[in-house]
């Protein structure tokens, strides 16, 4: 009797697990900012609000290698941010801690991924 009950419970748990939808990628709660310059050289602040985790994000204003890269990244999100010098998370990288990690104007960035 116990074996039948245990098997039924295991089969039921497996069926429940298989019927649950997979969880979407979590978001890094909070903003990530950076500074970029437009075609006239005027600086602007770019913002990624609650960016998705584990997805490479090319910064839209500087994804084109023909324009100057962004700089001065500030990570106020809840996740570690890894910034890259190239688009599509290529090139050299630098890690910014969550909740306030930042870098100076010297760090040039074009893409980022959040843990």
Protein backbone atom coordinates (compact mmCIF):
# COMPACT_ATOMS: atom_id res chain seq x y z
CA UNK A 1 0.00 0.00 0.00
CA UNK A 2 2.78 2.45 0.89
CA UNK A 3 4.66 1.70 -2.31
CA UNK A 4 1.56 2.41 -4.40
CA UNK A 5 0.99 5.69 -2.52
CA UNK A 6 4.65 6.72 -2.95
CA UNK A 7 4.60 5.93 -6.67
CA UNK A 8 1.33 7.81 -7.15
CA UNK A 9 2.74 10.83 -5.32
CA UNK A 10 5.92 10.77 -7.40
CA UNK A 11 3.99 10.48 -10.67
CA UNK A 12 1.67 13.31 -9.61
CA UNK A 13 4.62 15.56 -8.70
CA UNK A 14 6.30 14.83 -12.03
CA UNK A 15 3.11 15.60 -13.96
CA UNK A 16 2.73 18.88 -12.05
CA UNK A 17 6.34 19.87 -12.71
CA UNK A 18 5.99 19.17 -16.42
CA UNK A 19 2.76 21.15 -16.68
CA UNK A 20 4.15 24.33 -15.10
CA UNK A 21 5.30 27.00 -17.53
CA UNK A 22 8.99 27.78 -17.51
CA UNK A 23 9.84 30.95 -15.66
CA UNK A 24 10.83 33.94 -17.82
CA UNK A 25 14.26 35.47 -17.37
CA UNK A 26 14.30 37.63 -14.31
CA UNK A 27 14.91 41.34 -14.55
CA UNK A 28 17.61 43.26 -12.78
CA UNK A 29 15.50 45.59 -10.64
CA UNK A 30 16.67 49.18 -10.84
CA UNK A 31 18.32 51.50 -13.36
CA UNK A 32 21.60 51.34 -15.23
CA UNK A 33 22.86 54.63 -16.66
CA UNK A 34 25.65 55.72 -18.97
CA UNK A 35 26.73 58.89 -20.77
CA UNK A 36 26.88 59.13 -24.56
CA UNK A 37 27.33 62.01 -27.00
CA UNK A 38 25.07 62.79 -29.94
CA UNK A 39 26.34 63.74 -33.42
CA UNK A 40 26.99 67.32 -32.28
CA UNK A 41 29.05 66.19 -29.29
CA UNK A 42 26.37 67.07 -26.73
CA UNK A 43 26.42 64.61 -23.81
CA UNK A 44 23.23 62.77 -22.82
CA UNK A 45 22.42 60.23 -20.13
CA UNK A 46 21.21 56.86 -21.39
CA UNK A 47 19.04 54.65 -19.20
CA UNK A 48 18.19 50.97 -19.02
CA UNK A 49 15.32 50.58 -16.54
CA UNK A 50 14.90 47.12 -14.99
CA UNK A 51 16.92 45.41 -17.74
CA UNK A 52 16.51 41.68 -18.37
CA UNK A 53 19.03 39.32 -16.83
CA UNK A 54 21.33 37.04 -18.79
CA UNK A 55 20.71 38.84 -22.08
CA UNK A 56 23.35 40.85 -23.90
CA UNK A 57 22.15 44.41 -24.46
CA UNK A 58 23.95 46.62 -26.95
CA UNK A 59 23.51 50.23 -25.87
CA UNK A 60 21.32 51.56 -28.70
CA UNK A 61 22.93 54.99 -29.00
CA UNK A 62 26.47 53.59 -29.36
CA UNK A 63 26.02 50.14 -30.94
CA UNK A 64 27.40 51.47 -34.24
CA UNK A 65 31.23 51.36 -34.09
CA UNK A 66 31.31 54.58 -36.17
CA UNK A 67 30.08 56.63 -33.17
CA UNK A 68 31.95 57.33 -29.97
CA UNK A 69 31.33 54.75 -27.22
CA UNK A 70 29.43 55.56 -24.05
CA UNK A 71 31.24 56.09 -20.75
CA UNK A 72 30.68 56.62 -17.01
CA UNK A 73 28.41 53.59 -16.45
CA UNK A 74 26.51 53.46 -13.16
CA UNK A 75 24.81 50.29 -12.02
CA UNK A 76 21.96 50.89 -9.59
CA UNK A 77 20.30 47.59 -10.50
CA UNK A 78 20.06 44.61 -8.15
CA UNK A 79 22.36 42.50 -10.38
CA UNK A 80 26.02 42.50 -11.28
CA UNK A 81 26.54 44.32 -14.60
CA UNK A 82 29.33 43.25 -16.93
CA UNK A 83 30.04 46.02 -19.43
CA UNK A 84 31.90 45.45 -22.71
CA UNK A 85 33.92 47.71 -24.97
CA UNK A 86 32.30 46.26 -28.10
CA UNK A 87 28.73 45.77 -29.27
CA UNK A 88 27.07 42.39 -28.69
CA UNK A 89 29.10 41.79 -25.51
CA UNK A 90 32.44 41.58 -27.30
CA UNK A 91 35.84 43.02 -26.49
CA UNK A 92 37.28 43.84 -23.10
CA UNK A 93 34.95 43.81 -20.12
CA UNK A 94 34.61 45.31 -16.66
CA UNK A 95 32.35 44.19 -13.83
CA UNK A 96 30.19 46.67 -11.89
CA UNK A 97 28.77 45.59 -8.55
CA UNK A 98 25.03 45.92 -7.94
CA UNK A 99 23.40 48.83 -6.09
CA UNK A 100 25.84 51.59 -6.95
CA UNK A 101 28.80 50.14 -8.83
CA UNK A 102 30.22 52.72 -11.20
CA UNK A 103 33.20 53.62 -13.34
CA UNK A 104 34.72 56.84 -14.59
CA UNK A 105 34.69 58.57 -17.93
CA UNK A 106 37.77 56.52 -18.80
CA UNK A 107 35.74 53.30 -19.19
CA UNK A 108 34.28 53.13 -22.70
CA UNK A 109 31.27 50.81 -23.18
CA UNK A 110 28.96 49.63 -25.97
CA UNK A 111 27.11 46.70 -24.40
CA UNK A 112 26.19 45.13 -21.06
CA UNK A 113 24.85 41.91 -19.58
CA UNK A 114 23.28 41.55 -16.13
CA UNK A 115 23.66 38.44 -13.97
